[in-house]
Amino acid sequence: MRMLKLLQMQLEIWIDEVKITENHFMNDKQNSNQKWLELFQMYVDIQKAFKIYKKVYAAQKPFVLLSSDFGAWVIKNIILHTLLCGMYEKFYTTVNEAQYMCTMMLSQDECIGEQRIMCKNILRLNKSPSYMYNLMGLFQVDAKLLLSFVGLLATYAVVLLQFYFDE
């Protein structure tokens, strides 16, 4: 989870750098083009690091072997997955903030050259759902997963209570 937090922080730093570059290099086109290329490469590197993180985490299999105390194991896994869903949701929110910033920059008339190319490429990179983490290819890990899990538990609790009170 610390690696995911580090990636999120890097993405926030990248967003700040883009804002600074947008305001600073308005008149200097030569240095501006080089800076936009560097910023795009930084974004690609962050995305590559996230893909590596997904592969490493998928190899660990998020569900560990049963311990002797089943109740403690269940509680530990629920807490772990709750924290993990929160971290992924924060990372996805930061990625969406980067997308929004690029969309806003593209809508401005001053967005030309390498800046425009960088923004379009970032929007293309984020169009594919590959930047989102799928747990064993079944479902995406984000805040919706946690909410659907709570809904599932509530539904089964109601069903069990109905059977209990029918007897």
N, C-alpha and C. Protein backbone atom coordinates (compact mmCIF):
# COMPACT_ATOMS: atom_id res chain seq x y z
N MET A 1 0.82 -1.19 0.00
CA MET A 1 0.00 0.00 0.00
C MET A 1 0.87 1.26 0.00
N ARG A 2 2.05 1.16 0.55
CA ARG A 2 2.93 2.32 0.57
C ARG A 2 3.38 2.69 -0.83
N MET A 3 3.57 1.67 -1.65
CA MET A 3 3.98 1.93 -3.04
C MET A 3 2.87 2.67 -3.78
N LEU A 4 1.63 2.29 -3.54
CA LEU A 4 0.51 2.97 -4.18
C LEU A 4 0.41 4.42 -3.71
N LYS A 5 0.65 4.64 -2.43
CA LYS A 5 0.65 6.01 -1.90
C LYS A 5 1.77 6.83 -2.53
N LEU A 6 2.93 6.22 -2.71
CA LEU A 6 4.05 6.89 -3.36
C LEU A 6 3.70 7.26 -4.80
N LEU A 7 3.06 6.36 -5.52
CA LEU A 7 2.65 6.65 -6.90
C LEU A 7 1.64 7.80 -6.93
N GLN A 8 0.73 7.80 -5.98
CA GLN A 8 -0.25 8.88 -5.92
C GLN A 8 0.45 10.22 -5.65
N MET A 9 1.41 10.23 -4.75
CA MET A 9 2.15 11.45 -4.45
C MET A 9 2.94 11.92 -5.68
N GLN A 10 3.52 10.99 -6.42
CA GLN A 10 4.25 11.35 -7.64
C GLN A 10 3.31 11.97 -8.67
N LEU A 11 2.11 11.43 -8.76
CA LEU A 11 1.12 11.97 -9.69
C LEU A 11 0.68 13.37 -9.27
N GLU A 12 0.54 13.60 -7.98
CA GLU A 12 0.20 14.94 -7.49
C GLU A 12 1.33 15.93 -7.78
N ILE A 13 2.57 15.49 -7.62
CA ILE A 13 3.72 16.35 -7.95
C ILE A 13 3.73 16.65 -9.45
N TRP A 14 3.40 15.65 -10.26
CA TRP A 14 3.33 15.85 -11.70
C TRP A 14 2.28 16.90 -12.05
N ILE A 15 1.13 16.83 -11.41
CA ILE A 15 0.07 17.81 -11.66
C ILE A 15 0.55 19.21 -11.30
N ASP A 16 1.23 19.34 -10.17
CA ASP A 16 1.77 20.65 -9.78
C ASP A 16 2.79 21.15 -10.79
N GLU A 17 3.64 20.25 -11.29
CA GLU A 17 4.64 20.63 -12.29
C GLU A 17 3.98 21.12 -13.57
N VAL A 18 2.90 20.47 -13.97
CA VAL A 18 2.19 20.90 -15.18
C VAL A 18 1.60 22.29 -14.98
N LYS A 19 1.03 22.53 -13.82
CA LYS A 19 0.47 23.86 -13.54
C LYS A 19 1.56 24.93 -13.57
N ILE A 20 2.70 24.63 -12.97
CA ILE A 20 3.81 25.58 -12.96
C ILE A 20 4.32 25.82 -14.37
N THR A 21 4.47 24.75 -15.14
CA THR A 21 4.98 24.86 -16.51
C THR A 21 4.03 25.66 -17.38
N GLU A 22 2.74 25.42 -17.19
CA GLU A 22 1.74 26.14 -17.98
C GLU A 22 1.83 27.64 -17.74
N ASN A 23 2.06 28.04 -16.51
CA ASN A 23 2.13 29.46 -16.18
C ASN A 23 3.50 30.07 -16.48
N HIS A 24 4.56 29.29 -16.40
CA HIS A 24 5.92 29.82 -16.49
C HIS A 24 6.44 29.95 -17.92
N PHE A 25 6.15 28.98 -18.77
CA PHE A 25 6.76 28.93 -20.10
C PHE A 25 5.84 29.43 -21.21
N MET A 26 5.05 30.44 -20.95
CA MET A 26 4.11 30.93 -21.96
C MET A 26 4.83 31.54 -23.17
N ASN A 27 5.92 32.28 -22.94
CA ASN A 27 6.60 33.00 -24.02
C ASN A 27 7.80 32.25 -24.59
N ASP A 28 8.40 31.36 -23.83
CA ASP A 28 9.62 30.66 -24.24
C ASP A 28 9.24 29.32 -24.89
N LYS A 29 8.99 29.31 -26.19
CA LYS A 29 8.48 28.13 -26.89
C LYS A 29 9.50 27.00 -26.95
N GLN A 30 10.78 27.31 -27.17
CA GLN A 30 11.81 26.27 -27.30
C GLN A 30 11.94 25.47 -26.00
N ASN A 31 12.11 26.14 -24.88
CA ASN A 31 12.22 25.45 -23.60
C ASN A 31 10.90 24.82 -23.19
N SER A 32 9.82 25.45 -23.62
CA SER A 32 8.49 24.94 -23.30
C SER A 32 8.26 23.57 -23.94
N ASN A 33 8.63 23.44 -25.21
CA ASN A 33 8.43 22.15 -25.90
C ASN A 33 9.20 21.03 -25.21
N GLN A 34 10.45 21.32 -24.83
CA GLN A 34 11.26 20.31 -24.15
C GLN A 34 10.64 19.93 -22.81
N LYS A 35 10.14 20.92 -22.08
CA LYS A 35 9.53 20.66 -20.77
C LYS A 35 8.27 19.82 -20.90
N TRP A 36 7.45 20.08 -21.93
CA TRP A 36 6.23 19.28 -22.12
C TRP A 36 6.57 17.84 -22.46
N LEU A 37 7.63 17.64 -23.25
CA LEU A 37 8.06 16.27 -23.55
C LEU A 37 8.53 15.56 -22.29
N GLU A 38 9.26 16.26 -21.44
CA GLU A 38 9.72 15.68 -20.17
C GLU A 38 8.54 15.33 -19.27
N LEU A 39 7.56 16.22 -19.22
CA LEU A 39 6.38 15.96 -18.38
C LEU A 39 5.59 14.76 -18.87
N PHE A 40 5.49 14.63 -20.20
CA PHE A 40 4.79 13.46 -20.73
C PHE A 40 5.55 12.18 -20.38
N GLN A 41 6.86 12.21 -20.51
CA GLN A 41 7.66 11.03 -20.17
C GLN A 41 7.53 10.69 -18.68
N MET A 42 7.44 11.71 -17.84
CA MET A 42 7.24 11.47 -16.40
C MET A 42 5.91 10.77 -16.17
N TYR A 43 4.86 11.20 -16.86
CA TYR A 43 3.54 10.59 -16.70
C TYR A 43 3.56 9.13 -17.17
N VAL A 44 4.22 8.90 -18.29
CA VAL A 44 4.34 7.52 -18.80
C VAL A 44 5.08 6.65 -17.79
N ASP A 45 6.13 7.19 -17.19
CA ASP A 45 6.89 6.44 -16.19
C ASP A 45 6.03 6.11 -14.96
N ILE A 46 5.19 7.05 -14.54
CA ILE A 46 4.29 6.79 -13.42
C ILE A 46 3.32 5.66 -13.77
N GLN A 47 2.78 5.69 -14.98
CA GLN A 47 1.86 4.64 -15.42
C GLN A 47 2.57 3.28 -15.51
N LYS A 48 3.81 3.28 -15.98
CA LYS A 48 4.57 2.03 -16.04
C LYS A 48 4.82 1.48 -14.63
N ALA A 49 5.16 2.36 -13.70
CA ALA A 49 5.38 1.93 -12.32
C ALA A 49 4.10 1.35 -11.73
N PHE A 50 2.95 1.92 -12.07
CA PHE A 50 1.68 1.39 -11.58
C PHE A 50 1.40 0.01 -12.17
N LYS A 51 1.73 -0.19 -13.44
CA LYS A 51 1.54 -1.51 -14.06
C LYS A 51 2.44 -2.54 -13.39
N ILE A 52 3.66 -2.17 -13.07
CA ILE A 52 4.57 -3.08 -12.36
C ILE A 52 4.00 -3.40 -10.99
N TYR A 53 3.49 -2.38 -10.30
CA TYR A 53 2.87 -2.59 -8.98
C TYR A 53 1.71 -3.58 -9.08
N LYS A 54 0.88 -3.42 -10.12
CA LYS A 54 -0.26 -4.33 -10.28
C LYS A 54 0.21 -5.77 -10.47
N LYS A 55 1.27 -5.96 -11.27
CA LYS A 55 1.79 -7.31 -11.50
C LYS A 55 2.34 -7.92 -10.21
N VAL A 56 3.08 -7.12 -9.46
CA VAL A 56 3.67 -7.62 -8.22
C VAL A 56 2.57 -7.95 -7.22
N TYR A 57 1.58 -7.09 -7.09
CA TYR A 57 0.51 -7.32 -6.13
C TYR A 57 -0.34 -8.51 -6.55
N ALA A 58 -0.57 -8.67 -7.86
CA ALA A 58 -1.35 -9.81 -8.33
C ALA A 58 -0.61 -11.13 -8.07
N ALA A 59 0.72 -11.08 -8.13
CA ALA A 59 1.50 -12.29 -7.88
C ALA A 59 1.44 -12.69 -6.41
N GLN A 60 1.19 -11.74 -5.53
CA GLN A 60 1.14 -12.05 -4.10
C GLN A 60 -0.17 -12.72 -3.70
N LYS A 61 -1.15 -12.68 -4.57
CA LYS A 61 -2.48 -13.21 -4.26
C LYS A 61 -3.01 -12.55 -3.00
N PRO A 62 -3.95 -11.65 -3.13
CA PRO A 62 -4.39 -10.86 -1.99
C PRO A 62 -5.01 -11.65 -0.85
N PHE A 63 -5.38 -12.89 -1.11
CA PHE A 63 -5.94 -13.69 -0.03
C PHE A 63 -4.87 -14.65 0.49
N VAL A 64 -4.52 -14.52 1.75
CA VAL A 64 -3.48 -15.37 2.33
C VAL A 64 -4.10 -16.67 2.85
N LEU A 65 -3.24 -17.61 3.20
CA LEU A 65 -3.73 -18.88 3.72
C LEU A 65 -4.44 -18.70 5.05
N LEU A 66 -5.35 -19.61 5.33
CA LEU A 66 -6.09 -19.55 6.59
C LEU A 66 -5.16 -19.75 7.78
N SER A 67 -5.39 -18.97 8.79
CA SER A 67 -4.65 -19.18 10.03
C SER A 67 -5.52 -19.99 10.98
N SER A 68 -5.00 -20.27 12.16
CA SER A 68 -5.75 -21.08 13.11
C SER A 68 -6.95 -20.32 13.67
N ASP A 69 -6.89 -19.03 13.72
CA ASP A 69 -7.99 -18.22 14.23
C ASP A 69 -8.73 -17.61 13.05
N PHE A 70 -9.79 -18.27 12.62
CA PHE A 70 -10.52 -17.87 11.42
C PHE A 70 -11.14 -16.48 11.56
N GLY A 71 -11.68 -16.15 12.72
CA GLY A 71 -12.32 -14.85 12.94
C GLY A 71 -11.34 -13.72 12.79
N ALA A 72 -10.15 -13.88 13.35
CA ALA A 72 -9.12 -12.85 13.23
C ALA A 72 -8.67 -12.71 11.78
N TRP A 73 -8.60 -13.82 11.07
CA TRP A 73 -8.22 -13.79 9.67
C TRP A 73 -9.24 -13.01 8.85
N VAL A 74 -10.51 -13.24 9.09
CA VAL A 74 -11.57 -12.56 8.34
C VAL A 74 -11.53 -11.06 8.64
N ILE A 75 -11.41 -10.70 9.90
CA ILE A 75 -11.37 -9.28 10.27
C ILE A 75 -10.14 -8.61 9.67
N LYS A 76 -9.01 -9.29 9.73
CA LYS A 76 -7.77 -8.72 9.17
C LYS A 76 -7.93 -8.49 7.67
N ASN A 77 -8.50 -9.45 6.96
CA ASN A 77 -8.67 -9.30 5.52
C ASN A 77 -9.68 -8.22 5.18
N ILE A 78 -10.73 -8.09 5.95
CA ILE A 78 -11.71 -7.03 5.70
C ILE A 78 -11.06 -5.67 5.88
N ILE A 79 -10.29 -5.51 6.94
CA ILE A 79 -9.60 -4.24 7.17
C ILE A 79 -8.58 -3.96 6.07
N LEU A 80 -7.82 -4.99 5.68
CA LEU A 80 -6.83 -4.84 4.62
C LEU A 80 -7.48 -4.42 3.32
N HIS A 81 -8.56 -5.08 2.94
CA HIS A 81 -9.21 -4.77 1.67
C HIS A 81 -9.92 -3.41 1.72
N THR A 82 -10.41 -3.02 2.88
CA THR A 82 -10.99 -1.69 3.02
C THR A 82 -9.93 -0.62 2.79
N LEU A 83 -8.78 -0.78 3.41
CA LEU A 83 -7.69 0.17 3.22
C LEU A 83 -7.21 0.18 1.77
N LEU A 84 -7.12 -1.00 1.18
CA LEU A 84 -6.66 -1.11 -0.20
C LEU A 84 -7.64 -0.43 -1.16
N CYS A 85 -8.93 -0.64 -0.95
CA CYS A 85 -9.93 0.01 -1.80
C CYS A 85 -9.83 1.53 -1.68
N GLY A 86 -9.62 2.02 -0.47
CA GLY A 86 -9.46 3.45 -0.27
C GLY A 86 -8.24 4.01 -0.98
N MET A 87 -7.13 3.28 -0.91
CA MET A 87 -5.90 3.74 -1.57
C MET A 87 -6.06 3.76 -3.09
N TYR A 88 -6.67 2.69 -3.64
CA TYR A 88 -6.89 2.67 -5.08
C TYR A 88 -7.82 3.80 -5.49
N GLU A 89 -8.86 4.07 -4.71
CA GLU A 89 -9.79 5.13 -5.06
C GLU A 89 -9.09 6.49 -5.05
N LYS A 90 -8.20 6.71 -4.09
CA LYS A 90 -7.44 7.98 -4.06
C LYS A 90 -6.54 8.09 -5.29
N PHE A 91 -5.91 6.98 -5.68
CA PHE A 91 -5.05 7.01 -6.85
C PHE A 91 -5.87 7.30 -8.11
N TYR A 92 -7.02 6.63 -8.26
CA TYR A 92 -7.87 6.86 -9.43
C TYR A 92 -8.38 8.29 -9.46
N THR A 93 -8.68 8.86 -8.30
CA THR A 93 -9.13 10.25 -8.24
C THR A 93 -8.03 11.19 -8.71
N THR A 94 -6.79 10.90 -8.35
CA THR A 94 -5.67 11.72 -8.79
C THR A 94 -5.46 11.59 -10.30
N VAL A 95 -5.62 10.38 -10.84
CA VAL A 95 -5.53 10.19 -12.28
C VAL A 95 -6.64 10.97 -12.99
N ASN A 96 -7.84 10.94 -12.43
CA ASN A 96 -8.95 11.70 -13.02
C ASN A 96 -8.69 13.20 -12.95
N GLU A 97 -8.03 13.65 -11.89
CA GLU A 97 -7.66 15.07 -11.79
C GLU A 97 -6.68 15.45 -12.90
N ALA A 98 -5.74 14.56 -13.18
CA ALA A 98 -4.79 14.81 -14.28
C ALA A 98 -5.53 14.86 -15.62
N GLN A 99 -6.49 13.97 -15.81
CA GLN A 99 -7.28 13.98 -17.03
C GLN A 99 -8.07 15.28 -17.16
N TYR A 100 -8.67 15.70 -16.07
CA TYR A 100 -9.46 16.92 -16.08
C TYR A 100 -8.58 18.12 -16.42
N MET A 101 -7.39 18.16 -15.84
CA MET A 101 -6.47 19.27 -16.10
C MET A 101 -6.09 19.29 -17.58
N CYS A 102 -5.82 18.12 -18.16
CA CYS A 102 -5.47 18.07 -19.58
C CYS A 102 -6.65 18.50 -20.45
N THR A 103 -7.85 18.11 -20.08
CA THR A 103 -9.03 18.51 -20.82
C THR A 103 -9.21 20.02 -20.78
N MET A 104 -9.00 20.60 -19.60
CA MET A 104 -9.12 22.06 -19.47
C MET A 104 -8.04 22.77 -20.27
N MET A 105 -6.84 22.24 -20.30
CA MET A 105 -5.76 22.87 -21.06
C MET A 105 -6.04 22.79 -22.56
N LEU A 106 -6.64 21.67 -23.01
CA LEU A 106 -6.96 21.54 -24.43
C LEU A 106 -8.05 22.51 -24.86
N SER A 107 -8.92 22.88 -23.93
CA SER A 107 -10.01 23.79 -24.29
C SER A 107 -9.54 25.24 -24.43
N GLN A 108 -8.33 25.54 -23.98
CA GLN A 108 -7.79 26.90 -24.09
C GLN A 108 -7.15 27.11 -25.45
N ASP A 109 -7.21 28.33 -25.93
CA ASP A 109 -6.62 28.66 -27.23
C ASP A 109 -5.10 28.68 -27.19
N GLU A 110 -4.51 28.90 -26.01
CA GLU A 110 -3.06 28.98 -25.88
C GLU A 110 -2.39 27.61 -25.93
N CYS A 111 -3.16 26.55 -25.89
CA CYS A 111 -2.61 25.18 -25.87
C CYS A 111 -2.22 24.77 -27.29
N ILE A 112 -0.92 24.88 -27.61
CA ILE A 112 -0.44 24.53 -28.95
C ILE A 112 0.84 23.71 -28.82
N GLY A 113 1.24 23.10 -29.91
CA GLY A 113 2.51 22.39 -29.97
C GLY A 113 2.59 21.18 -29.07
N GLU A 114 3.71 21.08 -28.37
CA GLU A 114 3.98 19.92 -27.52
C GLU A 114 3.01 19.81 -26.35
N GLN A 115 2.53 20.95 -25.87
CA GLN A 115 1.56 20.92 -24.77
C GLN A 115 0.28 20.23 -25.23
N ARG A 116 -0.19 20.55 -26.40
CA ARG A 116 -1.41 19.92 -26.95
C ARG A 116 -1.19 18.43 -27.18
N ILE A 117 -0.03 18.08 -27.73
CA ILE A 117 0.29 16.68 -27.98
C ILE A 117 0.34 15.89 -26.67
N MET A 118 0.99 16.49 -25.65
CA MET A 118 1.07 15.82 -24.35
C MET A 118 -0.32 15.57 -23.77
N CYS A 119 -1.17 16.59 -23.83
CA CYS A 119 -2.51 16.44 -23.26
C CYS A 119 -3.31 15.36 -23.99
N LYS A 120 -3.24 15.36 -25.30
CA LYS A 120 -3.97 14.35 -26.07
C LYS A 120 -3.44 12.94 -25.77
N ASN A 121 -2.11 12.81 -25.68
CA ASN A 121 -1.54 11.49 -25.38
C ASN A 121 -1.93 11.00 -23.99
N ILE A 122 -1.98 11.90 -23.02
CA ILE A 122 -2.38 11.50 -21.67
C ILE A 122 -3.83 11.06 -21.66
N LEU A 123 -4.69 11.78 -22.38
CA LEU A 123 -6.09 11.37 -22.46
C LEU A 123 -6.22 10.01 -23.14
N ARG A 124 -5.39 9.76 -24.15
CA ARG A 124 -5.41 8.44 -24.81
C ARG A 124 -4.95 7.33 -23.86
N LEU A 125 -3.90 7.62 -23.10
CA LEU A 125 -3.39 6.62 -22.15
C LEU A 125 -4.46 6.24 -21.12
N ASN A 126 -5.23 7.22 -20.68
CA ASN A 126 -6.20 6.97 -19.63
C ASN A 126 -7.54 6.47 -20.15
N LYS A 127 -7.74 6.46 -21.47
CA LYS A 127 -9.00 5.93 -22.01
C LYS A 127 -9.13 4.44 -21.77
N SER A 128 -8.02 3.74 -21.89
CA SER A 128 -8.08 2.30 -21.70
C SER A 128 -8.22 1.99 -20.20
N PRO A 129 -9.01 0.99 -19.88
CA PRO A 129 -9.18 0.65 -18.45
C PRO A 129 -7.98 -0.08 -17.86
N SER A 130 -6.88 -0.13 -18.60
CA SER A 130 -5.71 -0.88 -18.12
C SER A 130 -5.06 -0.21 -16.92
N TYR A 131 -5.33 1.09 -16.71
CA TYR A 131 -4.72 1.74 -15.55
C TYR A 131 -5.46 1.40 -14.27
N MET A 132 -6.59 0.73 -14.37
CA MET A 132 -7.32 0.33 -13.17
C MET A 132 -6.95 -1.11 -12.81
N TYR A 133 -6.92 -1.40 -11.54
CA TYR A 133 -6.51 -2.72 -11.06
C TYR A 133 -7.71 -3.65 -11.01
N ASN A 134 -7.60 -4.79 -11.66
CA ASN A 134 -8.63 -5.83 -11.62
C ASN A 134 -8.15 -6.95 -10.72
N LEU A 135 -8.97 -7.32 -9.77
CA LEU A 135 -8.62 -8.40 -8.87
C LEU A 135 -8.88 -9.72 -9.56
N MET A 136 -7.81 -10.39 -9.93
CA MET A 136 -7.84 -11.67 -10.63
C MET A 136 -8.73 -11.63 -11.88
N GLY A 137 -8.83 -10.46 -12.50
CA GLY A 137 -9.59 -10.30 -13.73
C GLY A 137 -11.10 -10.34 -13.54
N LEU A 138 -11.57 -10.32 -12.31
CA LEU A 138 -13.01 -10.44 -12.08
C LEU A 138 -13.70 -9.09 -11.90
N PHE A 139 -13.13 -8.20 -11.11
CA PHE A 139 -13.76 -6.91 -10.85
C PHE A 139 -12.69 -5.90 -10.48
N GLN A 140 -13.05 -4.61 -10.66
CA GLN A 140 -12.09 -3.54 -10.39
C GLN A 140 -12.07 -3.23 -8.90
N VAL A 141 -10.87 -2.96 -8.41
CA VAL A 141 -10.70 -2.61 -6.99
C VAL A 141 -10.79 -1.10 -6.87
N ASP A 142 -11.90 -0.64 -6.32
CA ASP A 142 -12.09 0.78 -6.04
C ASP A 142 -13.16 0.90 -4.96
N ALA A 143 -13.69 2.08 -4.76
CA ALA A 143 -14.66 2.30 -3.69
C ALA A 143 -15.96 1.53 -3.95
N LYS A 144 -16.30 1.30 -5.21
CA LYS A 144 -17.53 0.56 -5.52
C LYS A 144 -17.44 -0.89 -5.02
N LEU A 145 -16.25 -1.45 -5.03
CA LEU A 145 -16.09 -2.82 -4.55
C LEU A 145 -16.46 -2.91 -3.07
N LEU A 146 -16.00 -1.97 -2.30
CA LEU A 146 -16.30 -1.97 -0.87
C LEU A 146 -17.79 -1.80 -0.62
N LEU A 147 -18.41 -0.88 -1.35
CA LEU A 147 -19.85 -0.66 -1.18
C LEU A 147 -20.67 -1.88 -1.61
N SER A 148 -20.27 -2.53 -2.69
CA SER A 148 -21.00 -3.72 -3.12
C SER A 148 -20.82 -4.87 -2.13
N PHE A 149 -19.64 -4.95 -1.51
CA PHE A 149 -19.41 -5.98 -0.49
C PHE A 149 -20.30 -5.75 0.73
N VAL A 150 -20.41 -4.50 1.16
CA VAL A 150 -21.29 -4.18 2.29
C VAL A 150 -22.74 -4.48 1.93
N GLY A 151 -23.14 -4.15 0.71
CA GLY A 151 -24.50 -4.46 0.26
C GLY A 151 -24.76 -5.96 0.23
N LEU A 152 -23.77 -6.73 -0.19
CA LEU A 152 -23.90 -8.18 -0.20
C LEU A 152 -24.08 -8.73 1.21
N LEU A 153 -23.26 -8.24 2.14
CA LEU A 153 -23.39 -8.68 3.53
C LEU A 153 -24.75 -8.31 4.11
N ALA A 154 -25.23 -7.12 3.82
CA ALA A 154 -26.53 -6.69 4.33
C ALA A 154 -27.66 -7.53 3.76
N THR A 155 -27.57 -7.86 2.48
CA THR A 155 -28.60 -8.70 1.85
C THR A 155 -28.65 -10.08 2.49
N TYR A 156 -27.51 -10.70 2.66
CA TYR A 156 -27.49 -12.03 3.27
C TYR A 156 -27.90 -11.99 4.73
N ALA A 157 -27.59 -10.92 5.43
CA ALA A 157 -28.03 -10.79 6.82
C ALA A 157 -29.55 -10.73 6.89
N VAL A 158 -30.18 -10.00 5.97
CA VAL A 158 -31.64 -9.91 5.95
C VAL A 158 -32.24 -11.27 5.63
N VAL A 159 -31.66 -11.98 4.67
CA VAL A 159 -32.17 -13.32 4.32
C VAL A 159 -32.06 -14.27 5.51
N LEU A 160 -30.91 -14.25 6.18
CA LEU A 160 -30.73 -15.12 7.34
C LEU A 160 -31.70 -14.76 8.47
N LEU A 161 -31.94 -13.49 8.67
CA LEU A 161 -32.90 -13.08 9.69
C LEU A 161 -34.32 -13.51 9.33
N GLN A 162 -34.66 -13.48 8.07
CA GLN A 162 -35.99 -13.95 7.65
C GLN A 162 -36.15 -15.44 7.94
N PHE A 163 -35.14 -16.23 7.65
CA PHE A 163 -35.21 -17.66 7.94
C PHE A 163 -35.27 -17.91 9.46
N TYR A 164 -34.55 -17.12 10.20
CA TYR A 164 -34.53 -17.29 11.65
C TYR A 164 -35.89 -17.01 12.26
N PHE A 165 -36.56 -15.95 11.81
CA PHE A 165 -37.85 -15.58 12.37
C PHE A 165 -39.00 -16.39 11.79
N ASP A 166 -38.79 -17.11 10.67
CA ASP A 166 -39.82 -17.98 10.11
C ASP A 166 -40.03 -19.21 10.98
N GLU A 167 -39.02 -19.65 11.64
CA GLU A 167 -39.12 -20.89 12.42
C GLU A 167 -39.85 -20.66 13.64
